[in-house]
N, C-alpha and C. Protein backbone atom coordinates (compact mmCIF):
# COMPACT_ATOMS: atom_id res chain seq x y z
N MET A 1 -55.41 302.49 238.48
CA MET A 1 -56.48 301.71 237.89
C MET A 1 -57.43 302.68 237.20
N LYS A 2 -57.74 302.40 235.96
CA LYS A 2 -58.66 303.23 235.20
C LYS A 2 -60.06 302.66 235.31
N ALA A 3 -61.03 303.42 234.82
CA ALA A 3 -62.43 302.99 234.87
C ALA A 3 -62.62 301.69 234.09
N LYS A 4 -61.89 301.54 232.99
CA LYS A 4 -61.99 300.31 232.20
C LYS A 4 -61.56 299.10 233.03
N ASP A 5 -60.49 299.27 233.82
CA ASP A 5 -60.04 298.18 234.67
C ASP A 5 -61.07 297.84 235.74
N LEU A 6 -61.73 298.85 236.27
CA LEU A 6 -62.76 298.62 237.29
C LEU A 6 -63.93 297.83 236.70
N PHE A 7 -64.38 298.21 235.51
CA PHE A 7 -65.46 297.46 234.86
C PHE A 7 -65.02 296.04 234.51
N THR A 8 -63.78 295.88 234.13
CA THR A 8 -63.25 294.55 233.84
C THR A 8 -63.31 293.68 235.08
N ILE A 9 -62.90 294.22 236.20
CA ILE A 9 -62.92 293.46 237.44
C ILE A 9 -64.35 293.12 237.86
N ILE A 10 -65.25 294.07 237.74
CA ILE A 10 -66.65 293.82 238.12
C ILE A 10 -67.26 292.73 237.25
N LEU A 11 -67.01 292.78 235.95
CA LEU A 11 -67.55 291.75 235.06
C LEU A 11 -66.94 290.38 235.33
N LYS A 12 -65.65 290.34 235.64
CA LYS A 12 -65.01 289.06 235.95
C LYS A 12 -65.54 288.50 237.27
N VAL A 13 -65.80 289.36 238.23
CA VAL A 13 -66.37 288.90 239.50
C VAL A 13 -67.74 288.28 239.25
N PHE A 14 -68.54 288.91 238.44
CA PHE A 14 -69.85 288.35 238.10
C PHE A 14 -69.69 287.02 237.36
N GLY A 15 -68.71 286.93 236.50
CA GLY A 15 -68.44 285.68 235.79
C GLY A 15 -68.02 284.56 236.74
N ILE A 16 -67.22 284.90 237.74
CA ILE A 16 -66.82 283.91 238.74
C ILE A 16 -68.04 283.40 239.49
N TYR A 17 -68.94 284.29 239.83
CA TYR A 17 -70.14 283.87 240.54
C TYR A 17 -71.02 282.96 239.67
N LEU A 18 -71.06 283.21 238.38
CA LEU A 18 -71.90 282.40 237.49
C LEU A 18 -71.32 281.02 237.18
N ILE A 19 -70.09 280.76 237.59
CA ILE A 19 -69.52 279.42 237.40
C ILE A 19 -70.38 278.39 238.11
N LYS A 20 -70.94 278.77 239.25
CA LYS A 20 -71.82 277.87 239.99
C LYS A 20 -73.02 277.46 239.15
N GLU A 21 -73.59 278.41 238.43
CA GLU A 21 -74.76 278.11 237.59
C GLU A 21 -74.40 277.18 236.44
N VAL A 22 -73.20 277.33 235.90
CA VAL A 22 -72.76 276.43 234.83
C VAL A 22 -72.66 275.01 235.37
N LEU A 23 -72.05 274.87 236.54
CA LEU A 23 -71.88 273.55 237.12
C LEU A 23 -73.22 272.94 237.53
N LEU A 24 -74.16 273.77 237.98
CA LEU A 24 -75.47 273.25 238.38
C LEU A 24 -76.37 272.95 237.19
N SER A 25 -76.00 273.40 236.00
CA SER A 25 -76.81 273.08 234.82
C SER A 25 -76.40 271.75 234.19
N ILE A 26 -75.36 271.11 234.71
CA ILE A 26 -74.93 269.82 234.19
C ILE A 26 -75.82 268.66 234.65
N PRO A 27 -76.21 268.58 235.95
CA PRO A 27 -77.06 267.44 236.36
C PRO A 27 -78.38 267.31 235.60
N PRO A 28 -79.09 268.39 235.25
CA PRO A 28 -80.31 268.18 234.45
C PRO A 28 -80.02 267.54 233.09
N ILE A 29 -78.89 267.84 232.51
CA ILE A 29 -78.53 267.22 231.22
C ILE A 29 -78.34 265.72 231.41
N LEU A 30 -77.63 265.36 232.46
CA LEU A 30 -77.42 263.93 232.73
C LEU A 30 -78.74 263.24 233.07
N SER A 31 -79.59 263.92 233.81
CA SER A 31 -80.90 263.35 234.14
C SER A 31 -81.75 263.15 232.89
N ASN A 32 -81.71 264.10 231.98
CA ASN A 32 -82.48 263.96 230.74
C ASN A 32 -81.93 262.86 229.85
N LEU A 33 -80.63 262.68 229.85
CA LEU A 33 -80.06 261.56 229.10
C LEU A 33 -80.53 260.23 229.69
N HIS A 34 -80.60 260.18 231.01
CA HIS A 34 -81.10 258.96 231.67
C HIS A 34 -82.58 258.75 231.38
N GLN A 35 -83.36 259.82 231.31
CA GLN A 35 -84.79 259.71 231.05
C GLN A 35 -85.07 259.23 229.63
N MET A 36 -84.16 259.51 228.72
CA MET A 36 -84.36 259.05 227.34
C MET A 36 -84.43 257.53 227.28
N LEU A 37 -83.76 256.88 228.21
CA LEU A 37 -83.77 255.43 228.23
C LEU A 37 -85.00 254.88 228.95
N ASP A 38 -85.48 255.61 229.96
CA ASP A 38 -86.57 255.09 230.80
C ASP A 38 -87.95 255.57 230.39
N ILE A 39 -88.07 256.84 230.01
CA ILE A 39 -89.37 257.45 229.73
C ILE A 39 -89.47 257.73 228.24
N SER A 40 -90.49 258.43 227.87
CA SER A 40 -90.72 258.80 226.48
C SER A 40 -89.53 259.56 225.92
N ALA A 41 -89.08 259.14 224.79
CA ALA A 41 -87.93 259.79 224.16
C ALA A 41 -88.27 261.20 223.67
N ASP A 42 -89.53 261.43 223.26
CA ASP A 42 -89.92 262.76 222.79
C ASP A 42 -89.84 263.80 223.90
N PHE A 43 -90.42 263.47 225.06
CA PHE A 43 -90.40 264.40 226.18
C PHE A 43 -88.97 264.62 226.67
N ALA A 44 -88.22 263.53 226.78
CA ALA A 44 -86.84 263.64 227.25
C ALA A 44 -85.98 264.41 226.26
N LEU A 45 -86.24 264.27 224.98
CA LEU A 45 -85.47 264.98 223.97
C LEU A 45 -85.71 266.49 224.06
N PHE A 46 -86.96 266.87 224.26
CA PHE A 46 -87.27 268.30 224.42
C PHE A 46 -86.61 268.83 225.70
N SER A 47 -86.70 268.09 226.79
CA SER A 47 -86.07 268.51 228.05
C SER A 47 -84.55 268.58 227.89
N LEU A 48 -83.98 267.63 227.17
CA LEU A 48 -82.54 267.65 226.93
C LEU A 48 -82.15 268.88 226.12
N PHE A 49 -82.93 269.22 225.12
CA PHE A 49 -82.66 270.41 224.32
C PHE A 49 -82.69 271.67 225.19
N VAL A 50 -83.69 271.79 226.04
CA VAL A 50 -83.80 272.96 226.91
C VAL A 50 -82.64 272.99 227.90
N SER A 51 -82.28 271.85 228.46
CA SER A 51 -81.16 271.80 229.41
C SER A 51 -79.84 272.16 228.73
N LEU A 52 -79.65 271.67 227.51
CA LEU A 52 -78.43 272.02 226.77
C LEU A 52 -78.40 273.51 226.41
N LEU A 53 -79.57 274.06 226.11
CA LEU A 53 -79.65 275.48 225.81
C LEU A 53 -79.29 276.32 227.04
N VAL A 54 -79.81 275.94 228.19
CA VAL A 54 -79.50 276.66 229.44
C VAL A 54 -78.01 276.54 229.75
N PHE A 55 -77.46 275.33 229.62
CA PHE A 55 -76.03 275.12 229.85
C PHE A 55 -75.20 275.97 228.90
N GLY A 56 -75.56 275.96 227.63
CA GLY A 56 -74.82 276.74 226.64
C GLY A 56 -74.85 278.23 226.90
N LEU A 57 -76.03 278.73 227.31
CA LEU A 57 -76.13 280.16 227.63
C LEU A 57 -75.26 280.53 228.83
N TYR A 58 -75.36 279.75 229.89
CA TYR A 58 -74.53 280.03 231.07
C TYR A 58 -73.05 279.92 230.73
N PHE A 59 -72.67 278.88 230.01
CA PHE A 59 -71.27 278.69 229.66
C PHE A 59 -70.76 279.83 228.79
N GLY A 60 -71.57 280.23 227.81
CA GLY A 60 -71.17 281.34 226.95
C GLY A 60 -71.03 282.65 227.71
N ILE A 61 -71.95 282.91 228.62
CA ILE A 61 -71.88 284.14 229.41
C ILE A 61 -70.64 284.13 230.30
N VAL A 62 -70.36 282.98 230.94
CA VAL A 62 -69.17 282.89 231.80
C VAL A 62 -67.90 283.08 230.98
N CYS A 63 -67.83 282.45 229.80
CA CYS A 63 -66.63 282.63 228.96
C CYS A 63 -66.46 284.08 228.53
N LEU A 64 -67.56 284.72 228.16
CA LEU A 64 -67.47 286.14 227.79
C LEU A 64 -67.02 286.99 228.97
N LEU A 65 -67.60 286.76 230.13
CA LEU A 65 -67.28 287.58 231.30
C LEU A 65 -65.86 287.36 231.80
N LEU A 66 -65.36 286.14 231.72
CA LEU A 66 -64.03 285.86 232.26
C LEU A 66 -62.91 286.06 231.26
N PHE A 67 -63.13 285.72 229.99
CA PHE A 67 -62.02 285.68 229.05
C PHE A 67 -62.12 286.71 227.92
N LYS A 68 -63.25 287.30 227.70
CA LYS A 68 -63.42 288.31 226.65
C LYS A 68 -63.95 289.61 227.26
N THR A 69 -63.46 289.95 228.43
CA THR A 69 -63.99 291.10 229.16
C THR A 69 -63.69 292.42 228.45
N ALA A 70 -62.51 292.57 227.92
CA ALA A 70 -62.16 293.83 227.24
C ALA A 70 -63.07 294.04 226.03
N TRP A 71 -63.32 293.00 225.27
CA TRP A 71 -64.23 293.09 224.13
C TRP A 71 -65.63 293.46 224.59
N LEU A 72 -66.08 292.87 225.69
CA LEU A 72 -67.40 293.14 226.23
C LEU A 72 -67.52 294.59 226.71
N VAL A 73 -66.48 295.09 227.38
CA VAL A 73 -66.49 296.48 227.84
C VAL A 73 -66.55 297.44 226.66
N SER A 74 -65.82 297.13 225.60
CA SER A 74 -65.84 298.02 224.44
C SER A 74 -67.17 297.95 223.68
N LYS A 75 -67.75 296.76 223.54
CA LYS A 75 -69.02 296.62 222.82
C LYS A 75 -70.19 297.24 223.59
N LEU A 76 -70.16 297.13 224.90
CA LEU A 76 -71.22 297.73 225.73
C LEU A 76 -70.98 299.22 225.99
N GLN A 77 -69.83 299.72 225.58
CA GLN A 77 -69.44 301.11 225.73
C GLN A 77 -69.59 301.57 227.18
N LEU A 78 -69.04 300.79 228.09
CA LEU A 78 -69.17 301.09 229.51
C LEU A 78 -68.33 302.29 229.94
N THR A 79 -67.26 302.56 229.21
CA THR A 79 -66.38 303.66 229.60
C THR A 79 -66.46 304.85 228.64
N SER A 80 -67.50 304.91 227.84
CA SER A 80 -67.57 305.96 226.81
C SER A 80 -67.72 307.36 227.40
N ASN A 81 -68.43 307.53 228.49
CA ASN A 81 -68.64 308.86 229.07
C ASN A 81 -67.79 309.11 230.30
N LEU A 82 -66.80 308.28 230.55
CA LEU A 82 -65.96 308.43 231.73
C LEU A 82 -64.60 308.97 231.33
N SER A 83 -63.98 309.68 232.25
CA SER A 83 -62.66 310.24 231.96
C SER A 83 -61.60 309.14 232.01
N GLU A 84 -60.47 309.42 231.40
CA GLU A 84 -59.37 308.47 231.35
C GLU A 84 -58.42 308.62 232.52
N GLU A 85 -58.78 309.46 233.50
CA GLU A 85 -57.92 309.63 234.66
C GLU A 85 -57.95 308.37 235.51
N PRO A 86 -56.81 307.98 236.02
CA PRO A 86 -56.77 306.76 236.83
C PRO A 86 -57.51 306.93 238.16
N LEU A 87 -58.16 305.87 238.56
CA LEU A 87 -58.78 305.82 239.87
C LEU A 87 -57.72 305.35 240.86
N VAL A 88 -57.71 305.95 242.03
CA VAL A 88 -56.69 305.60 243.01
C VAL A 88 -57.25 304.48 243.90
N VAL A 89 -56.83 303.26 243.59
CA VAL A 89 -57.17 302.09 244.38
C VAL A 89 -55.88 301.30 244.53
N ASN A 90 -55.50 301.01 245.75
CA ASN A 90 -54.22 300.36 245.98
C ASN A 90 -54.34 298.85 246.14
N LEU A 91 -55.20 298.23 245.35
CA LEU A 91 -55.33 296.77 245.35
C LEU A 91 -54.89 296.22 244.01
N HIS A 92 -54.16 295.13 244.06
CA HIS A 92 -53.78 294.47 242.83
C HIS A 92 -54.99 293.70 242.30
N ARG A 93 -55.02 293.50 241.00
CA ARG A 93 -56.14 292.82 240.36
C ARG A 93 -56.36 291.43 240.96
N SER A 94 -55.30 290.70 241.21
CA SER A 94 -55.45 289.35 241.77
C SER A 94 -56.02 289.39 243.18
N SER A 95 -55.75 290.44 243.93
CA SER A 95 -56.34 290.58 245.27
C SER A 95 -57.84 290.78 245.18
N VAL A 96 -58.27 291.55 244.21
CA VAL A 96 -59.71 291.77 244.03
C VAL A 96 -60.37 290.48 243.58
N TYR A 97 -59.73 289.72 242.69
CA TYR A 97 -60.28 288.43 242.27
C TYR A 97 -60.39 287.49 243.46
N THR A 98 -59.36 287.46 244.30
CA THR A 98 -59.39 286.60 245.48
C THR A 98 -60.54 286.97 246.40
N ILE A 99 -60.73 288.26 246.63
CA ILE A 99 -61.84 288.71 247.46
C ILE A 99 -63.17 288.31 246.84
N ALA A 100 -63.28 288.46 245.54
CA ALA A 100 -64.52 288.10 244.84
C ALA A 100 -64.81 286.61 244.94
N ILE A 101 -63.79 285.80 244.80
CA ILE A 101 -63.98 284.35 244.88
C ILE A 101 -64.38 283.94 246.30
N ILE A 102 -63.75 284.56 247.29
CA ILE A 102 -64.11 284.25 248.68
C ILE A 102 -65.55 284.67 248.96
N ILE A 103 -65.94 285.84 248.51
CA ILE A 103 -67.31 286.30 248.73
C ILE A 103 -68.29 285.41 247.98
N SER A 104 -67.95 285.02 246.76
CA SER A 104 -68.82 284.11 246.00
C SER A 104 -68.96 282.77 246.72
N GLY A 105 -67.87 282.23 247.22
CA GLY A 105 -67.92 280.98 247.95
C GLY A 105 -68.78 281.08 249.21
N ILE A 106 -68.65 282.19 249.92
CA ILE A 106 -69.46 282.39 251.12
C ILE A 106 -70.93 282.52 250.76
N LEU A 107 -71.24 283.26 249.69
CA LEU A 107 -72.63 283.38 249.26
C LEU A 107 -73.21 282.03 248.85
N ILE A 108 -72.44 281.27 248.10
CA ILE A 108 -72.91 279.95 247.69
C ILE A 108 -73.19 279.08 248.91
N LEU A 109 -72.26 279.08 249.87
CA LEU A 109 -72.47 278.28 251.07
C LEU A 109 -73.64 278.78 251.90
N THR A 110 -73.82 280.09 251.94
CA THR A 110 -74.92 280.66 252.72
C THR A 110 -76.27 280.17 252.21
N PHE A 111 -76.42 280.07 250.90
CA PHE A 111 -77.69 279.61 250.34
C PHE A 111 -77.76 278.09 250.24
N ALA A 112 -76.62 277.41 250.12
CA ALA A 112 -76.63 275.97 249.87
C ALA A 112 -76.73 275.13 251.13
N ILE A 113 -76.12 275.56 252.21
CA ILE A 113 -76.12 274.74 253.42
C ILE A 113 -77.53 274.52 253.97
N PRO A 114 -78.38 275.55 254.08
CA PRO A 114 -79.75 275.28 254.54
C PRO A 114 -80.52 274.34 253.62
N GLN A 115 -80.32 274.48 252.30
CA GLN A 115 -80.98 273.58 251.36
C GLN A 115 -80.49 272.15 251.54
N PHE A 116 -79.19 272.00 251.73
CA PHE A 116 -78.64 270.66 251.93
C PHE A 116 -79.20 270.03 253.20
N VAL A 117 -79.26 270.79 254.27
CA VAL A 117 -79.80 270.26 255.53
C VAL A 117 -81.27 269.87 255.34
N ARG A 118 -82.04 270.69 254.66
CA ARG A 118 -83.45 270.39 254.41
C ARG A 118 -83.60 269.10 253.59
N HIS A 119 -82.83 268.96 252.53
CA HIS A 119 -82.96 267.78 251.68
C HIS A 119 -82.39 266.53 252.36
N PHE A 120 -81.35 266.71 253.16
CA PHE A 120 -80.82 265.57 253.91
C PHE A 120 -81.84 265.09 254.94
N TYR A 121 -82.52 266.02 255.58
CA TYR A 121 -83.56 265.64 256.54
C TYR A 121 -84.72 264.94 255.83
N ALA A 122 -85.09 265.40 254.64
CA ALA A 122 -86.14 264.73 253.88
C ALA A 122 -85.71 263.31 253.51
N TRP A 123 -84.45 263.13 253.15
CA TRP A 123 -83.95 261.80 252.86
C TRP A 123 -83.99 260.92 254.10
N TYR A 124 -83.60 261.50 255.25
CA TYR A 124 -83.63 260.75 256.51
C TYR A 124 -85.06 260.32 256.84
N GLN A 125 -86.02 261.20 256.62
CA GLN A 125 -87.42 260.84 256.86
C GLN A 125 -87.86 259.73 255.91
N PHE A 126 -87.40 259.78 254.67
CA PHE A 126 -87.73 258.73 253.70
C PHE A 126 -87.19 257.38 254.17
N VAL A 127 -85.93 257.36 254.60
CA VAL A 127 -85.32 256.11 255.06
C VAL A 127 -86.05 255.61 256.30
N ASP A 128 -86.38 256.50 257.20
CA ASP A 128 -87.09 256.12 258.42
C ASP A 128 -88.49 255.59 258.10
N SER A 129 -89.18 256.20 257.14
CA SER A 129 -90.52 255.73 256.79
C SER A 129 -90.47 254.39 256.07
N ARG A 130 -89.40 254.11 255.35
CA ARG A 130 -89.26 252.81 254.68
C ARG A 130 -89.05 251.71 255.69
N LYS A 131 -88.39 252.03 256.81
CA LYS A 131 -88.20 251.03 257.86
C LYS A 131 -89.54 250.61 258.47
N SER A 132 -90.44 251.58 258.58
CA SER A 132 -91.75 251.26 259.18
C SER A 132 -92.76 250.81 258.13
N MET A 133 -92.35 250.72 256.87
CA MET A 133 -93.17 250.23 255.76
C MET A 133 -94.38 251.12 255.44
N PHE A 134 -94.33 252.37 255.80
CA PHE A 134 -95.46 253.26 255.52
C PHE A 134 -95.10 254.36 254.52
N GLY A 135 -93.88 254.43 254.10
CA GLY A 135 -93.44 255.54 253.26
C GLY A 135 -93.56 255.27 251.78
N ALA A 136 -93.12 256.25 251.04
CA ALA A 136 -93.12 256.15 249.58
C ALA A 136 -92.05 255.15 249.14
N GLU A 137 -92.21 254.66 247.93
CA GLU A 137 -91.27 253.67 247.43
C GLU A 137 -90.02 254.28 246.80
N HIS A 138 -90.14 255.50 246.30
CA HIS A 138 -89.02 256.13 245.61
C HIS A 138 -88.71 257.48 246.24
N PHE A 139 -87.45 257.83 246.19
CA PHE A 139 -87.01 259.14 246.68
C PHE A 139 -86.29 259.86 245.56
N ASP A 140 -86.57 261.15 245.41
CA ASP A 140 -85.92 261.96 244.39
C ASP A 140 -84.61 262.49 244.96
N TYR A 141 -83.52 261.88 244.54
CA TYR A 141 -82.20 262.25 245.06
C TYR A 141 -81.62 263.50 244.38
N SER A 142 -82.25 263.98 243.33
CA SER A 142 -81.65 265.07 242.56
C SER A 142 -81.48 266.33 243.40
N ARG A 143 -82.45 266.67 244.22
CA ARG A 143 -82.32 267.88 245.04
C ARG A 143 -81.23 267.73 246.09
N LEU A 144 -81.13 266.54 246.66
CA LEU A 144 -80.08 266.28 247.65
C LEU A 144 -78.71 266.40 247.00
N PHE A 145 -78.53 265.81 245.82
CA PHE A 145 -77.25 265.88 245.13
C PHE A 145 -76.95 267.30 244.64
N THR A 146 -77.98 268.02 244.23
CA THR A 146 -77.76 269.40 243.78
C THR A 146 -77.29 270.26 244.94
N SER A 147 -77.96 270.14 246.08
CA SER A 147 -77.54 270.96 247.23
C SER A 147 -76.18 270.53 247.74
N LEU A 148 -75.88 269.23 247.69
CA LEU A 148 -74.56 268.76 248.08
C LEU A 148 -73.49 269.31 247.13
N SER A 149 -73.79 269.33 245.83
CA SER A 149 -72.82 269.87 244.87
C SER A 149 -72.63 271.37 245.07
N GLU A 150 -73.69 272.09 245.44
CA GLU A 150 -73.53 273.52 245.72
C GLU A 150 -72.61 273.73 246.92
N VAL A 151 -72.78 272.93 247.96
CA VAL A 151 -71.91 273.04 249.14
C VAL A 151 -70.47 272.75 248.74
N LEU A 152 -70.27 271.71 247.94
CA LEU A 152 -68.91 271.37 247.51
C LEU A 152 -68.30 272.47 246.64
N ILE A 153 -69.11 273.06 245.77
CA ILE A 153 -68.61 274.16 244.93
C ILE A 153 -68.20 275.34 245.80
N GLY A 154 -69.01 275.68 246.79
CA GLY A 154 -68.67 276.77 247.70
C GLY A 154 -67.39 276.48 248.46
N LEU A 155 -67.23 275.24 248.94
CA LEU A 155 -66.01 274.87 249.65
C LEU A 155 -64.80 274.89 248.73
N LEU A 156 -65.00 274.44 247.48
CA LEU A 156 -63.89 274.48 246.52
C LEU A 156 -63.49 275.92 246.20
N PHE A 157 -64.47 276.81 246.09
CA PHE A 157 -64.14 278.22 245.86
C PHE A 157 -63.31 278.76 247.02
N LEU A 158 -63.72 278.44 248.25
CA LEU A 158 -62.99 278.96 249.41
C LEU A 158 -61.61 278.32 249.54
N GLY A 159 -61.50 277.03 249.25
CA GLY A 159 -60.23 276.35 249.43
C GLY A 159 -59.24 276.53 248.30
N ASN A 160 -59.73 276.84 247.12
CA ASN A 160 -58.85 276.92 245.95
C ASN A 160 -58.89 278.28 245.27
N GLN A 161 -59.11 279.34 246.03
CA GLN A 161 -59.23 280.64 245.39
C GLN A 161 -57.93 281.06 244.70
N ARG A 162 -56.79 280.69 245.22
CA ARG A 162 -55.52 281.05 244.61
C ARG A 162 -55.37 280.35 243.25
N THR A 163 -55.77 279.10 243.16
CA THR A 163 -55.69 278.36 241.90
C THR A 163 -56.61 278.98 240.85
N ILE A 164 -57.81 279.37 241.26
CA ILE A 164 -58.76 279.99 240.34
C ILE A 164 -58.23 281.33 239.85
N VAL A 165 -57.68 282.13 240.78
CA VAL A 165 -57.11 283.43 240.39
C VAL A 165 -55.94 283.24 239.44
N ASN A 166 -55.08 282.27 239.72
CA ASN A 166 -53.95 282.02 238.82
C ASN A 166 -54.42 281.60 237.44
N PHE A 167 -55.48 280.80 237.37
CA PHE A 167 -56.02 280.39 236.07
C PHE A 167 -56.55 281.59 235.30
N ILE A 168 -57.30 282.47 235.97
CA ILE A 168 -57.85 283.65 235.31
C ILE A 168 -56.72 284.58 234.85
N GLU A 169 -55.74 284.76 235.71
CA GLU A 169 -54.61 285.62 235.35
C GLU A 169 -53.79 285.02 234.20
N SER A 170 -53.61 283.71 234.19
CA SER A 170 -52.84 283.11 233.10
C SER A 170 -53.59 283.25 231.77
N ARG A 171 -54.90 283.11 231.81
CA ARG A 171 -55.69 283.31 230.59
C ARG A 171 -55.60 284.76 230.13
N ARG A 172 -55.58 285.69 231.06
CA ARG A 172 -55.47 287.11 230.71
C ARG A 172 -54.12 287.38 230.07
N ARG A 173 -53.06 286.78 230.65
CA ARG A 173 -51.72 286.98 230.11
C ARG A 173 -51.60 286.37 228.71
N GLN A 174 -52.22 285.21 228.50
CA GLN A 174 -52.17 284.57 227.18
C GLN A 174 -52.91 285.40 226.14
N SER A 175 -54.03 285.99 226.54
CA SER A 175 -54.80 286.78 225.56
C SER A 175 -54.11 288.10 225.25
N ASN A 176 -53.30 288.61 226.20
CA ASN A 176 -52.56 289.85 225.95
C ASN A 176 -51.24 289.60 225.26
N GLY A 177 -50.83 288.33 225.16
CA GLY A 177 -49.59 287.99 224.49
C GLY A 177 -48.37 288.27 225.33
N LEU A 178 -48.54 288.24 226.66
CA LEU A 178 -47.39 288.50 227.54
C LEU A 178 -46.65 287.27 227.91
């Protein structure tokens, strides 16, 4: 493995981790589309533009990191001052991707499960307060759904790491013409 391969793997690992951010930037877009019907169209349009911009940036970064890594390494000149001697690492590229996906899934779950429990408890308090007729009339479900989606993304990363690695490897093979 050469230094270029190591930088490629590091950038792809970072791209895998950012997939979560791409998926989490979708609910605000849907929420803003819903707000256009209920609230002021001007405010919702500006929010929709910002949400689409955030989604586009995350999506573009993930595509660059996962599928245009060689171009990115050459443009950033990451290997310009390093020797071309191979680094001795006895791991296959797909093994490193699998490890990265598992670690990303664990990190996502580590941060998402406490948030989900907190928001689920807040929802439970809301339901309980509505029974006693002393609570608020509306509950903001967006945080509960966001934390639930983070937990599901983490579980999907852990359960489907082989599928994700195969997809990344197949895209790499297609771009290399193999």
